[in-house]
Amino acid sequence: MKAYVFPGQGAQFTGMGKDLYENSPLAKELFEKANDILGFRITDIMFEGTAEQLKETKVTQPAVFLHSVILAKTLGDDFKPEMVAGHSLGEFSALVAAGALTFEDGLKLVSQRAMAMQKACEITPSTMAAVLGLEDKVVEDICEQTEGVVVAANYNCPGQLVISGETTAVERACEALKAAGARRALILPVGGAFHSPMMEPAREELAAAIEKTQFAAPVCPVYQNVPASAVTNPDEIKQNLIIQLTAPVKWTQSVQNMIADGATLFTEVGPGNVLQGLVKKINKEAETASA
């Protein structure tokens, strides 16, 4: 079975989507539509901007979303997903690609999500850290025992977990994790504590926007980050999207469930190849490809 996976924030690079824009009339039309919706020429930043400009919150999330969704649309009849999943932000790309959301609504929600997250990040100093070489349970226990807000945020693959929370709490947890035998516990260069309780203000803001948006049944099951299992009911999809901002990304569990449900080929749609690497670490027998 064919599974298509969509990357999240961090996969962006200068020049992303330029070849699509120049070689596909459909891609060009969608990119120009995106410029109009966003009210600024995001294409200029994607194609020619600096890494610094691409890292701006209002740019990063829409840019990764646009590259992924437009790439999926240009595949035409070759794009026949039997299941889809997206990592964090990538879940929005997956939902548009699978027909649960329109291109326009997906882009508007992603843009609102980025702005809401930015605002939430400015309330309290917060960050994330990558932890390598420990069992999930050990990481979860240490987070629980650490003073302040710090939680497991991204279950990327076995032995690779990202934690998220108040800066001081994350730093304390990193020291404890290293003492417990972590190969690395490294603070990440991110704007704030995504997928943690620190995102509650953003969750409330995004919830209002999601509730107002029309969702349809997707053409195939969507393995969402929150339950890590197949979802097709539009109301459930909405609820999971709302919870997603403050809940962990269960990527390991999602991929394992997709394989258990028959996925044999994972095609990554969007910038970079991070997800292909994670899929291989979750199950080295799985076949991966880039769209």
Protein backbone atom coordinates (compact mmCIF):
# COMPACT_ATOMS: atom_id res chain seq x y z
CA MET A 1 0.00 0.00 0.00
CA LYS A 2 1.15 3.51 -0.82
CA ALA A 3 1.59 5.92 2.08
CA TYR A 4 2.44 9.57 1.54
CA VAL A 5 4.12 11.54 4.33
CA PHE A 6 4.48 15.31 4.68
CA PRO A 7 7.30 17.07 6.56
CA GLY A 8 7.00 19.79 9.19
CA GLN A 9 8.86 22.93 10.16
CA GLY A 10 12.64 22.73 9.79
CA ALA A 11 12.60 21.15 6.31
CA GLN A 12 12.71 24.53 4.53
CA PHE A 13 15.61 25.61 2.30
CA THR A 14 16.32 28.54 -0.04
CA GLY A 15 15.12 27.78 -3.56
CA MET A 16 12.35 25.42 -2.42
CA GLY A 17 9.55 25.12 -4.97
CA LYS A 18 11.30 27.23 -7.62
CA ASP A 19 11.56 24.38 -10.13
CA LEU A 20 7.85 23.61 -9.64
CA TYR A 21 6.95 27.26 -10.24
CA GLU A 22 9.04 27.46 -13.40
CA ASN A 23 8.02 24.11 -14.91
CA SER A 24 4.35 23.68 -14.02
CA PRO A 25 1.58 26.13 -14.97
CA LEU A 26 -0.60 24.64 -12.21
CA ALA A 27 2.13 25.17 -9.61
CA LYS A 28 2.68 28.75 -10.76
CA GLU A 29 -1.05 29.47 -10.50
CA LEU A 30 -1.23 28.01 -6.95
CA PHE A 31 1.89 29.86 -5.77
CA GLU A 32 0.46 33.16 -7.09
CA LYS A 33 -2.85 32.40 -5.38
CA ALA A 34 -0.90 31.85 -2.14
CA ASN A 35 0.84 35.23 -2.52
CA ASP A 36 -2.59 36.87 -2.80
CA ILE A 37 -4.04 34.99 0.21
CA LEU A 38 -1.06 35.76 2.45
CA GLY A 39 -0.79 39.40 1.34
CA PHE A 40 2.95 39.21 0.64
CA ARG A 41 5.10 37.48 -1.97
CA ILE A 42 6.14 34.37 -0.07
CA THR A 43 7.50 32.99 -3.35
CA ASP A 44 10.23 35.67 -3.41
CA ILE A 45 11.42 34.50 0.03
CA MET A 46 11.11 30.79 -0.82
CA PHE A 47 13.02 31.07 -4.09
CA GLU A 48 15.59 33.78 -3.32
CA GLY A 49 15.43 34.55 0.42
CA THR A 50 18.09 33.97 3.05
CA ALA A 51 17.92 31.17 5.63
CA GLU A 52 17.21 33.92 8.19
CA GLN A 53 14.17 35.20 6.22
CA LEU A 54 12.89 31.65 5.72
CA LYS A 55 13.06 31.09 9.48
CA GLU A 56 10.54 33.87 10.17
CA THR A 57 7.43 32.30 11.66
CA LYS A 58 5.00 33.86 9.19
CA VAL A 59 7.11 32.39 6.36
CA THR A 60 8.35 28.98 7.54
CA GLN A 61 5.09 27.14 8.09
CA PRO A 62 3.27 28.40 4.97
CA ALA A 63 6.42 27.80 2.88
CA VAL A 64 6.77 24.14 3.88
CA PHE A 65 3.02 23.64 3.49
CA LEU A 66 2.99 25.22 0.00
CA HIS A 67 5.96 23.21 -1.24
CA SER A 68 4.36 19.96 -0.06
CA VAL A 69 0.80 20.58 -1.22
CA ILE A 70 1.71 22.05 -4.61
CA LEU A 71 4.13 19.19 -5.24
CA ALA A 72 1.33 16.70 -4.48
CA LYS A 73 -1.05 18.56 -6.83
CA THR A 74 1.50 18.51 -9.70
CA LEU A 75 1.80 14.72 -9.43
CA GLY A 76 -1.70 14.55 -10.98
CA ASP A 77 -2.96 11.01 -11.56
CA ASP A 78 0.25 9.56 -10.11
CA PHE A 79 -0.85 10.76 -6.68
CA LYS A 80 -3.06 7.92 -5.44
CA PRO A 81 -2.63 7.79 -1.67
CA GLU A 82 -3.96 4.83 0.26
CA MET A 83 -2.95 6.50 3.54
CA VAL A 84 -1.34 9.81 4.49
CA ALA A 85 0.34 11.36 7.54
CA GLY A 86 2.15 14.60 8.30
CA HIS A 87 4.65 15.53 11.00
CA SER A 88 3.20 18.40 13.08
CA LEU A 89 2.62 21.19 10.52
CA GLY A 90 2.76 18.47 7.83
CA GLU A 91 -0.61 17.19 9.04
CA PHE A 92 -2.24 20.22 7.36
CA SER A 93 -0.44 19.40 4.09
CA ALA A 94 -1.61 15.79 4.37
CA LEU A 95 -5.22 16.88 4.94
CA VAL A 96 -5.22 19.14 1.88
CA ALA A 97 -3.53 16.49 -0.28
CA ALA A 98 -6.15 13.94 0.84
CA GLY A 99 -9.04 16.31 0.08
CA ALA A 100 -10.21 16.93 3.67
CA LEU A 101 -9.41 20.64 3.36
CA THR A 102 -9.28 23.01 0.39
CA PHE A 103 -5.96 24.54 -0.62
CA GLU A 104 -7.19 28.02 0.38
CA ASP A 105 -8.55 26.96 3.79
CA GLY A 106 -5.44 24.90 4.53
CA LEU A 107 -3.15 27.84 3.78
CA LYS A 108 -5.24 30.24 5.87
CA LEU A 109 -5.20 27.86 8.84
CA VAL A 110 -1.44 27.28 8.55
CA SER A 111 -0.83 31.02 8.44
CA GLN A 112 -3.07 31.58 11.49
CA ARG A 113 -1.36 28.68 13.28
CA ALA A 114 2.07 30.21 12.67
CA MET A 115 1.01 33.62 14.01
CA ALA A 116 -0.77 32.13 17.03
CA MET A 117 2.29 30.01 17.88
CA GLN A 118 4.56 33.05 17.54
CA LYS A 119 2.40 35.00 20.00
CA ALA A 120 2.37 32.08 22.46
CA CYS A 121 6.18 31.86 22.22
CA GLU A 122 6.52 35.49 23.30
CA ILE A 123 4.62 35.00 26.59
CA THR A 124 7.20 32.88 28.46
CA PRO A 125 10.79 31.94 27.51
CA SER A 126 10.46 28.40 26.21
CA THR A 127 12.37 25.97 24.00
CA MET A 128 12.78 22.37 22.82
CA ALA A 129 15.63 19.84 23.04
CA ALA A 130 16.49 16.67 21.14
CA VAL A 131 17.24 13.63 23.30
CA LEU A 132 19.12 10.70 21.74
CA GLY A 133 19.80 7.22 22.98
CA LEU A 134 17.26 6.75 25.76
CA GLU A 135 14.05 4.72 26.02
CA ASP A 136 10.89 6.84 25.74
CA LYS A 137 9.78 5.82 29.24
CA VAL A 138 13.03 7.09 30.81
CA VAL A 139 12.63 10.46 29.08
CA GLU A 140 8.97 10.72 30.12
CA ASP A 141 9.79 9.89 33.75
CA ILE A 142 12.61 12.46 33.95
CA CYS A 143 10.36 15.15 32.43
CA GLU A 144 7.72 14.33 35.03
CA GLN A 145 10.25 14.59 37.87
CA THR A 146 11.72 17.89 36.63
CA GLU A 147 10.55 21.12 38.25
CA GLY A 148 8.64 23.41 35.86
CA VAL A 149 6.87 22.65 32.57
CA VAL A 150 8.70 20.10 30.38
CA VAL A 151 7.10 17.28 28.39
CA ALA A 152 7.85 14.75 25.64
CA ALA A 153 6.82 16.55 22.44
CA ASN A 154 7.96 14.59 19.37
CA TYR A 155 8.33 10.81 19.27
CA ASN A 156 10.42 10.86 16.08
CA CYS A 157 11.84 7.33 16.05
CA PRO A 158 13.07 4.84 18.66
CA GLY A 159 15.85 6.50 20.65
CA GLN A 160 15.06 9.99 19.34
CA LEU A 161 12.61 12.08 21.32
CA VAL A 162 12.19 15.85 21.46
CA ILE A 163 11.21 17.48 24.75
CA SER A 164 9.52 20.86 25.07
CA GLY A 165 8.69 23.42 27.76
CA GLU A 166 9.94 26.35 29.84
CA THR A 167 13.58 27.11 29.02
CA THR A 168 14.83 26.56 32.58
CA ALA A 169 12.88 23.31 32.94
CA VAL A 170 14.18 21.99 29.59
CA GLU A 171 17.76 22.84 30.61
CA ARG A 172 17.31 21.05 33.94
CA ALA A 173 15.80 18.02 32.20
CA CYS A 174 18.72 17.91 29.72
CA GLU A 175 21.22 17.67 32.59
CA ALA A 176 19.22 14.89 34.24
CA LEU A 177 18.85 13.04 30.90
CA LYS A 178 22.60 13.17 30.26
CA ALA A 179 23.17 11.84 33.78
CA ALA A 180 20.73 9.01 32.96
CA GLY A 181 22.84 8.03 29.95
CA ALA A 182 21.46 10.03 27.02
CA ARG A 183 23.90 10.09 24.12
CA ARG A 184 22.87 13.69 23.54
CA ALA A 185 20.42 16.17 25.06
CA LEU A 186 20.70 19.21 22.85
CA ILE A 187 18.72 22.48 22.97
CA LEU A 188 17.25 23.15 19.50
CA PRO A 189 17.27 26.52 17.70
CA VAL A 190 13.48 26.91 17.77
CA GLY A 191 11.23 29.85 18.63
CA GLY A 192 9.43 28.19 21.51
CA ALA A 193 7.93 25.13 23.17
CA PHE A 194 5.79 23.57 20.44
CA HIS A 195 3.55 20.60 21.34
CA SER A 196 3.59 21.45 25.03
CA PRO A 197 1.18 23.15 27.50
CA MET A 198 3.01 26.42 26.66
CA MET A 199 1.04 26.46 23.39
CA GLU A 200 -2.37 26.68 25.14
CA PRO A 201 -2.99 30.33 24.08
CA ALA A 202 -2.26 29.36 20.46
CA ARG A 203 -4.49 26.29 20.73
CA GLU A 204 -7.44 28.45 21.82
CA GLU A 205 -6.90 30.87 18.95
CA LEU A 206 -6.49 28.12 16.35
CA ALA A 207 -9.49 26.20 17.71
CA ALA A 208 -11.78 29.12 16.85
CA ALA A 209 -10.43 29.21 13.26
CA ILE A 210 -10.65 25.42 12.82
CA GLU A 211 -14.25 25.33 14.13
CA LYS A 212 -15.26 27.85 11.43
CA THR A 213 -13.59 25.88 8.63
CA GLN A 214 -15.37 23.33 6.46
CA PHE A 215 -13.77 19.86 6.53
CA ALA A 216 -14.69 16.97 4.20
CA ALA A 217 -14.06 13.23 4.46
CA PRO A 218 -10.54 12.53 3.10
CA VAL A 219 -10.03 10.21 0.09
CA CYS A 220 -8.01 7.87 2.34
CA PRO A 221 -7.29 7.45 6.07
CA VAL A 222 -5.19 10.18 7.71
CA TYR A 223 -2.89 8.96 10.48
CA GLN A 224 -3.03 11.96 12.77
CA ASN A 225 -0.33 12.96 15.26
CA VAL A 226 -2.60 12.86 18.31
CA PRO A 227 -4.14 9.34 18.11
CA ALA A 228 -1.35 7.97 15.82
CA SER A 229 -4.07 5.97 14.07
CA ALA A 230 -6.28 6.14 10.97
CA VAL A 231 -8.97 8.83 11.03
CA THR A 232 -11.56 9.57 8.33
CA ASN A 233 -14.36 11.33 10.23
CA PRO A 234 -14.18 15.12 9.59
CA ASP A 235 -15.29 16.01 13.15
CA GLU A 236 -12.61 13.78 14.65
CA ILE A 237 -10.01 15.24 12.29
CA LYS A 238 -10.92 18.74 13.51
CA GLN A 239 -10.70 17.82 17.19
CA ASN A 240 -7.31 16.13 16.73
CA LEU A 241 -5.99 19.17 14.86
CA ILE A 242 -7.02 21.42 17.74
CA ILE A 243 -5.43 19.18 20.38
CA GLN A 244 -2.28 18.78 18.28
CA LEU A 245 -0.69 22.11 19.31
CA THR A 246 -0.39 21.14 22.98
CA ALA A 247 -0.07 17.35 22.51
CA PRO A 248 2.93 15.27 21.41
CA VAL A 249 3.59 14.28 17.80
CA LYS A 250 3.43 10.48 17.87
CA TRP A 251 5.40 9.91 14.68
CA THR A 252 6.97 6.57 15.68
CA GLN A 253 3.58 5.18 16.64
CA SER A 254 1.91 6.55 13.47
CA VAL A 255 4.45 4.90 11.16
CA GLN A 256 4.27 1.62 13.10
CA ASN A 257 0.47 1.66 12.77
CA MET A 258 0.62 2.47 9.05
CA ILE A 259 2.96 -0.50 8.53
CA ALA A 260 0.69 -2.73 10.61
CA ASP A 261 -2.22 -1.60 8.41
CA GLY A 262 -0.36 -2.55 5.22
CA ALA A 263 1.85 0.38 4.19
CA THR A 264 4.79 -0.85 2.09
CA LEU A 265 6.04 2.32 0.37
CA PHE A 266 6.43 5.69 2.13
CA THR A 267 6.78 8.63 -0.27
CA GLU A 268 7.85 11.94 1.26
CA VAL A 269 6.11 14.93 -0.33
CA GLY A 270 7.80 18.27 0.34
CA PRO A 271 11.20 19.74 1.07
CA GLY A 272 14.02 17.52 2.37
CA ASN A 273 14.18 13.85 3.29
CA VAL A 274 13.96 13.89 7.10
CA LEU A 275 10.85 11.70 7.25
CA GLN A 276 12.36 9.04 4.98
CA GLY A 277 15.24 8.76 7.44
CA LEU A 278 12.84 8.48 10.40
CA VAL A 279 10.71 5.83 8.66
CA LYS A 280 13.86 3.74 8.03
CA LYS A 281 14.87 4.06 11.70
CA ILE A 282 11.38 2.98 12.78
CA ASN A 283 11.38 0.01 10.40
CA LYS A 284 14.43 -0.70 8.26
CA GLU A 285 12.40 -3.00 5.98
CA ALA A 286 10.11 -0.14 4.90
CA GLU A 287 10.63 1.19 1.40
CA THR A 288 10.95 4.98 1.10
CA ALA A 289 10.99 7.43 -1.78
CA SER A 290 10.86 11.16 -2.48
CA ALA A 291 8.05 12.67 -4.55
